[in-house]
Amino acid sequence: MTSCHIAEEPVKKIAIFGGTHGNELTGVFLVKHWLEDGAEIQRVGLEVKPFITNPRAVKKCSRYIDCDLNRVFDLENLGKNRSEDLPYEVRRAQEINNLFGPKDSEDAYDIIFDLHNTTSNMGCTLILEDSTNDFLIQMFHYIKTSLAPLPCYVYLIEHPSLKYATTRSVAKYPVGIEVGPQPQGVLRADILDQMRKMIKHALDFIHHFNEGKEFPSCAIEVYKIMEKVDYPRNESGEIAAIIHPNLQDQDWKPLHPGDPVFLTLDGKTIPLDGDCTVYPVFVNEAAYYEKKEAFTKTTKLTLNAKSIRSSLH
């Protein structure tokens, strides 16, 4: 009787992106280091390419130059005729798509790890774009287990209408790595160490997989995006209330209907509406003020993955 597992192609080409947002410095710092000395990210039989995605924003230490690079990898932008009139990040997206894609093609890189920081208290976070991907669920399970007792959360951004078009989506298997809290334009040693370990465990998993190790079926807890919540605003569209102290730094913790969410300057508390418990993420993220997002509501669920092994073995 054959064992019921998914045979996956071995992984060959991997990229590690830093500087998709030029003021999120952990990924910038690590990628620049690995470009000088990549010994720590090399594994036998793997091509691992560290890459600075938005060099102009990195040089300026700003999130982006013209628009958010991590939101323009849709086929419409990637297919636009190249011209100097296009926003810098759209031109850069086309270059990245040529180097590591093309998106949705057989030639695309197998895996892209995209390294990010958040100012929110989210700890180690892995971002998953597809809830049915056995290979990535297995990888995330391996990373979570290897990091324990340090918590590592999985944020699932599958949604019918909220489409991201991320930089990493050029790859067959896109992996977002988000570590915080860290202010923009700042390097913290503890955050750097955590991100470095996440990459180490991810590469170890791929190496074991390529060598023929079978990973038995597993389950992981994930937090799936429900909706983004804006700050309360006045008639002029300006922020009229700030994140309540009870919610500040409480990413991933249950938030119940009636719990305080916002606080006005005259001391009025605005509670969570609705009738279900949610799990907030990206609470008071600095980069999301311009996007009108105070936090994102998620719901907690379990994803299961079948056992996997490389089809070469």
Protein backbone atom coordinates (compact mmCIF):
# COMPACT_ATOMS: atom_id res chain seq x y z
CA MET A 1 0.00 0.00 0.00
CA THR A 2 1.44 3.39 -0.91
CA SER A 3 1.64 6.08 1.72
CA CYS A 4 -0.64 9.02 1.06
CA HIS A 5 1.67 11.94 0.58
CA ILE A 6 2.14 14.77 -1.85
CA ALA A 7 5.24 14.40 -4.03
CA GLU A 8 6.62 17.86 -4.68
CA GLU A 9 9.35 18.91 -7.09
CA PRO A 10 12.65 19.63 -5.30
CA VAL A 11 13.33 23.30 -4.67
CA LYS A 12 16.19 24.82 -6.66
CA LYS A 13 15.98 28.61 -6.84
CA ILE A 14 15.41 30.81 -3.80
CA ALA A 15 15.64 34.56 -3.35
CA ILE A 16 15.76 36.54 -0.10
CA PHE A 17 14.46 40.08 -0.54
CA GLY A 18 15.39 42.95 1.76
CA GLY A 19 14.46 46.60 1.39
CA THR A 20 11.07 46.15 -0.26
CA HIS A 21 10.33 48.97 2.17
CA GLY A 22 13.49 51.05 2.46
CA ASN A 23 13.04 52.02 6.13
CA GLU A 24 12.54 48.45 7.43
CA LEU A 25 16.16 47.92 8.24
CA THR A 26 16.54 44.33 9.47
CA GLY A 27 16.06 42.83 6.01
CA VAL A 28 18.23 45.55 4.44
CA PHE A 29 21.04 44.90 6.92
CA LEU A 30 20.88 41.09 6.60
CA VAL A 31 20.70 41.09 2.80
CA LYS A 32 23.63 43.53 2.51
CA HIS A 33 25.60 41.26 4.86
CA TRP A 34 24.71 38.14 2.82
CA LEU A 35 25.70 39.89 -0.41
CA GLU A 36 29.18 40.33 1.15
CA ASP A 37 29.31 36.92 2.83
CA GLY A 38 26.56 34.45 1.97
CA ALA A 39 28.00 31.37 3.71
CA GLU A 40 25.23 31.28 6.31
CA ILE A 41 22.43 31.11 3.70
CA GLN A 42 24.03 28.62 1.32
CA ARG A 43 22.80 25.02 1.31
CA VAL A 44 24.08 22.17 -0.86
CA GLY A 45 22.20 21.96 -4.16
CA LEU A 46 20.38 25.26 -3.65
CA GLU A 47 20.80 28.58 -5.39
CA VAL A 48 20.04 31.25 -2.76
CA LYS A 49 20.15 34.83 -4.01
CA PRO A 50 20.01 37.78 -1.57
CA PHE A 51 18.61 40.90 -3.26
CA ILE A 52 17.85 44.54 -2.36
CA THR A 53 14.45 45.17 -3.92
CA ASN A 54 14.04 48.94 -3.61
CA PRO A 55 17.56 50.43 -3.62
CA ARG A 56 16.44 54.04 -4.04
CA ALA A 57 14.10 53.82 -1.04
CA VAL A 58 16.87 52.08 0.94
CA LYS A 59 19.28 54.89 0.12
CA LYS A 60 16.71 57.47 1.22
CA CYS A 61 15.61 55.33 4.22
CA SER A 62 11.97 55.80 3.26
CA ARG A 63 9.22 53.23 2.75
CA TYR A 64 9.08 53.99 -0.99
CA ILE A 65 9.83 56.68 -3.59
CA ASP A 66 6.59 57.02 -5.61
CA CYS A 67 4.30 54.23 -4.41
CA ASP A 68 4.33 51.06 -2.28
CA LEU A 69 6.44 48.43 -4.09
CA ASN A 70 4.69 45.69 -2.12
CA ARG A 71 1.31 46.47 -3.71
CA VAL A 72 2.10 46.81 -7.44
CA PHE A 73 2.84 43.23 -8.55
CA ASP A 74 -0.51 42.77 -10.30
CA LEU A 75 -0.50 41.70 -13.94
CA GLU A 76 -1.79 45.13 -15.03
CA ASN A 77 1.24 47.00 -13.62
CA LEU A 78 3.68 44.29 -14.69
CA GLY A 79 2.33 44.46 -18.24
CA LYS A 80 2.48 48.25 -18.67
CA ASN A 81 4.73 49.64 -21.41
CA ARG A 82 8.01 50.74 -19.87
CA SER A 83 8.42 54.50 -19.77
CA GLU A 84 9.98 57.12 -17.53
CA ASP A 85 6.44 58.36 -16.78
CA LEU A 86 5.67 55.22 -14.77
CA PRO A 87 6.17 55.46 -10.99
CA TYR A 88 9.66 54.28 -9.98
CA GLU A 89 8.27 51.29 -8.05
CA VAL A 90 6.22 50.08 -11.03
CA ARG A 91 9.35 50.16 -13.22
CA ARG A 92 11.26 48.38 -10.45
CA ALA A 93 8.48 45.77 -10.17
CA GLN A 94 8.86 45.02 -13.88
CA GLU A 95 12.63 44.58 -13.44
CA ILE A 96 12.10 42.26 -10.46
CA ASN A 97 9.50 40.29 -12.43
CA ASN A 98 12.00 39.86 -15.27
CA LEU A 99 14.77 38.76 -12.89
CA PHE A 100 12.77 36.41 -10.62
CA GLY A 101 9.61 35.62 -12.59
CA PRO A 102 7.82 35.99 -14.80
CA LYS A 103 4.95 35.77 -12.28
CA ASP A 104 2.73 32.68 -12.77
CA SER A 105 5.28 31.03 -15.08
CA GLU A 106 7.30 27.82 -14.90
CA ASP A 107 10.52 29.87 -15.02
CA ALA A 108 9.73 31.82 -11.84
CA TYR A 109 11.88 31.34 -8.73
CA ASP A 110 10.61 28.56 -6.48
CA ILE A 111 10.58 30.57 -3.24
CA ILE A 112 10.97 34.24 -2.35
CA PHE A 113 11.41 35.20 1.29
CA ASP A 114 10.51 38.88 1.66
CA LEU A 115 11.87 40.42 4.87
CA HIS A 116 9.83 43.11 6.64
CA ASN A 117 9.64 44.94 9.94
CA THR A 118 6.57 46.25 11.68
CA THR A 119 6.28 48.91 14.38
CA SER A 120 3.49 46.76 15.87
CA ASN A 121 4.10 44.24 18.64
CA MET A 122 3.74 41.22 16.37
CA GLY A 123 6.88 39.27 17.25
CA CYS A 124 7.87 36.68 14.63
CA THR A 125 5.24 36.47 11.92
CA LEU A 126 5.06 34.35 8.76
CA ILE A 127 2.67 35.58 6.06
CA LEU A 128 0.83 32.95 4.04
CA GLU A 129 -1.05 33.78 0.83
CA ASP A 130 -2.63 30.37 0.09
CA SER A 131 -4.38 28.19 2.69
CA THR A 132 -4.20 25.07 0.50
CA ASN A 133 -0.42 25.03 0.03
CA ASP A 134 0.81 21.86 1.77
CA PHE A 135 4.47 22.69 1.16
CA LEU A 136 4.31 26.12 2.85
CA ILE A 137 2.13 24.89 5.72
CA GLN A 138 4.75 22.17 6.33
CA MET A 139 7.56 24.76 6.14
CA PHE A 140 5.78 27.10 8.57
CA HIS A 141 5.13 24.19 10.94
CA TYR A 142 8.86 23.38 10.86
CA ILE A 143 9.85 27.02 11.50
CA LYS A 144 7.34 27.38 14.36
CA THR A 145 8.52 24.14 15.99
CA SER A 146 12.19 25.10 15.59
CA LEU A 147 11.68 28.56 17.12
CA ALA A 148 9.71 27.29 20.14
CA PRO A 149 9.39 28.38 22.89
CA LEU A 150 9.66 31.73 21.04
CA PRO A 151 6.17 32.25 19.55
CA CYS A 152 5.82 32.51 15.77
CA TYR A 153 2.46 33.50 14.33
CA VAL A 154 1.04 32.78 10.88
CA TYR A 155 -0.99 35.53 9.20
CA LEU A 156 -3.16 34.30 6.31
CA ILE A 157 -3.96 37.08 3.84
CA GLU A 158 -6.39 35.15 1.63
CA HIS A 159 -9.44 37.35 1.08
CA PRO A 160 -12.11 37.63 -1.63
CA SER A 161 -11.69 41.39 -2.13
CA LEU A 162 -8.50 42.52 -0.35
CA LYS A 163 -5.84 41.79 -2.94
CA TYR A 164 -2.21 42.52 -2.08
CA ALA A 165 -0.10 41.92 -5.25
CA THR A 166 3.05 41.52 -3.13
CA THR A 167 6.66 41.64 -4.31
CA ARG A 168 7.15 37.99 -3.29
CA SER A 169 4.11 36.87 -5.33
CA VAL A 170 6.46 36.60 -8.36
CA ALA A 171 7.65 33.24 -6.91
CA LYS A 172 5.83 29.91 -6.99
CA TYR A 173 5.94 29.89 -3.18
CA PRO A 174 5.81 33.41 -1.68
CA VAL A 175 6.81 33.78 2.00
CA GLY A 176 6.42 37.01 3.93
CA ILE A 177 8.54 37.37 7.07
CA GLU A 178 7.51 40.17 9.40
CA VAL A 179 9.29 40.86 12.70
CA GLY A 180 8.56 43.57 15.26
CA PRO A 181 8.24 45.76 17.13
CA GLN A 182 10.93 47.92 15.58
CA PRO A 183 10.70 51.62 14.69
CA GLN A 184 11.22 52.64 11.08
CA GLY A 185 14.84 53.49 10.29
CA VAL A 186 16.12 51.62 13.39
CA LEU A 187 18.00 48.33 13.91
CA ARG A 188 17.38 46.23 17.02
CA ALA A 189 19.66 43.27 17.76
CA ASP A 190 16.88 41.10 19.20
CA ILE A 191 14.67 41.59 16.13
CA LEU A 192 17.62 40.91 13.81
CA ASP A 193 18.42 37.69 15.66
CA GLN A 194 14.82 36.48 15.38
CA MET A 195 14.59 37.18 11.64
CA ARG A 196 17.95 35.50 11.05
CA LYS A 197 16.73 32.37 12.87
CA MET A 198 13.51 32.29 10.83
CA ILE A 199 15.52 32.29 7.59
CA LYS A 200 17.93 29.64 8.95
CA HIS A 201 15.09 27.27 9.86
CA ALA A 202 13.33 27.88 6.53
CA LEU A 203 16.48 27.03 4.57
CA ASP A 204 17.12 23.98 6.77
CA PHE A 205 13.58 22.76 6.04
CA ILE A 206 14.14 23.12 2.27
CA HIS A 207 17.49 21.33 2.53
CA HIS A 208 15.92 18.40 4.46
CA PHE A 209 13.06 18.27 1.95
CA ASN A 210 15.43 18.17 -1.04
CA GLU A 211 17.43 15.40 0.63
CA GLY A 212 14.32 13.21 0.66
CA LYS A 213 13.08 13.61 4.23
CA GLU A 214 9.36 12.94 4.48
CA PHE A 215 7.37 15.40 6.57
CA PRO A 216 4.31 13.74 8.14
CA SER A 217 0.91 15.40 7.98
CA CYS A 218 0.64 18.36 10.35
CA ALA A 219 -1.63 21.19 11.47
CA ILE A 220 -0.88 24.84 12.24
CA GLU A 221 -2.89 27.61 13.84
CA VAL A 222 -3.28 30.64 11.59
CA TYR A 223 -4.89 34.06 11.87
CA LYS A 224 -6.93 34.85 8.78
CA ILE A 225 -7.60 38.44 7.72
CA MET A 226 -11.24 39.53 8.12
CA GLU A 227 -11.23 43.31 7.66
CA LYS A 228 -9.14 46.41 8.15
CA VAL A 229 -10.34 49.01 10.65
CA ASP A 230 -9.75 52.74 10.16
CA TYR A 231 -9.37 55.32 12.90
CA PRO A 232 -12.47 57.29 13.80
CA ARG A 233 -12.38 60.53 11.80
CA ASN A 234 -13.95 64.00 11.95
CA GLU A 235 -15.78 65.78 9.10
CA SER A 236 -12.46 66.91 7.58
CA GLY A 237 -11.26 63.30 7.46
CA GLU A 238 -8.69 63.78 10.22
CA ILE A 239 -8.09 61.22 12.97
CA ALA A 240 -10.45 61.85 15.87
CA ALA A 241 -9.37 59.04 18.23
CA ILE A 242 -6.24 57.00 18.87
CA ILE A 243 -5.58 53.36 19.75
CA HIS A 244 -6.78 52.71 23.32
CA PRO A 245 -4.02 51.82 25.84
CA ASN A 246 -5.76 48.47 26.50
CA LEU A 247 -5.34 47.55 22.81
CA GLN A 248 -1.85 48.98 22.27
CA ASP A 249 0.77 46.21 21.88
CA GLN A 250 -1.90 43.50 22.17
CA ASP A 251 -1.47 42.02 18.69
CA TRP A 252 -2.70 38.39 18.40
CA LYS A 253 -4.60 38.65 21.74
CA PRO A 254 -8.37 38.06 21.76
CA LEU A 255 -10.45 41.23 21.47
CA HIS A 256 -14.07 40.83 22.53
CA PRO A 257 -17.14 42.86 21.56
CA GLY A 258 -17.34 45.82 23.95
CA ASP A 259 -13.59 45.87 24.67
CA PRO A 260 -11.96 49.33 24.36
CA VAL A 261 -10.45 49.99 20.93
CA PHE A 262 -10.09 53.77 20.52
CA LEU A 263 -9.80 56.74 22.87
CA THR A 264 -10.80 60.30 22.00
CA LEU A 265 -8.94 63.35 23.29
CA ASP A 266 -11.80 64.14 25.68
CA GLY A 267 -11.45 60.70 27.24
CA LYS A 268 -14.32 58.88 25.51
CA THR A 269 -13.72 55.16 24.91
CA ILE A 270 -14.91 53.62 21.65
CA PRO A 271 -15.49 49.87 22.04
CA LEU A 272 -15.29 46.99 19.55
CA ASP A 273 -18.60 46.53 17.79
CA GLY A 274 -19.93 43.34 16.28
CA ASP A 275 -20.73 40.05 17.99
CA CYS A 276 -17.57 37.97 17.61
CA THR A 277 -14.16 37.78 19.22
CA VAL A 278 -11.38 38.88 16.87
CA TYR A 279 -7.59 38.83 17.00
CA PRO A 280 -6.05 42.22 16.09
CA VAL A 281 -2.80 42.51 14.12
CA PHE A 282 -0.76 45.45 12.86
CA VAL A 283 -2.09 47.46 15.80
CA ASN A 284 -1.08 51.12 15.36
CA GLU A 285 1.40 50.28 12.57
CA ALA A 286 3.24 53.49 11.61
CA ALA A 287 3.24 52.72 7.86
CA TYR A 288 -0.53 52.19 7.79
CA TYR A 289 -1.60 55.68 8.89
CA GLU A 290 -1.48 56.74 5.23
CA LYS A 291 -3.47 53.63 4.30
CA LYS A 292 -6.14 54.54 6.90
CA GLU A 293 -5.68 51.31 8.84
CA ALA A 294 -5.58 51.38 12.65
CA PHE A 295 -5.49 47.58 12.94
CA THR A 296 -6.68 44.48 11.11
CA LYS A 297 -9.22 42.04 12.52
CA THR A 298 -8.38 38.38 12.10
CA THR A 299 -10.08 35.13 13.01
CA LYS A 300 -8.21 32.10 14.31
CA LEU A 301 -8.39 28.78 12.49
CA THR A 302 -6.42 25.56 11.93
CA LEU A 303 -4.90 24.53 8.60
CA ASN A 304 -3.94 20.94 7.88
CA ALA A 305 -1.24 19.76 5.48
CA LYS A 306 -0.79 16.30 4.02
CA SER A 307 2.57 14.61 4.40
CA ILE A 308 5.07 15.69 1.74
CA ARG A 309 8.34 14.47 0.31
CA SER A 310 10.46 15.37 -2.70
CA SER A 311 9.47 13.58 -5.90
CA LEU A 312 13.15 12.72 -6.56
CA HIS A 313 13.18 10.24 -3.68
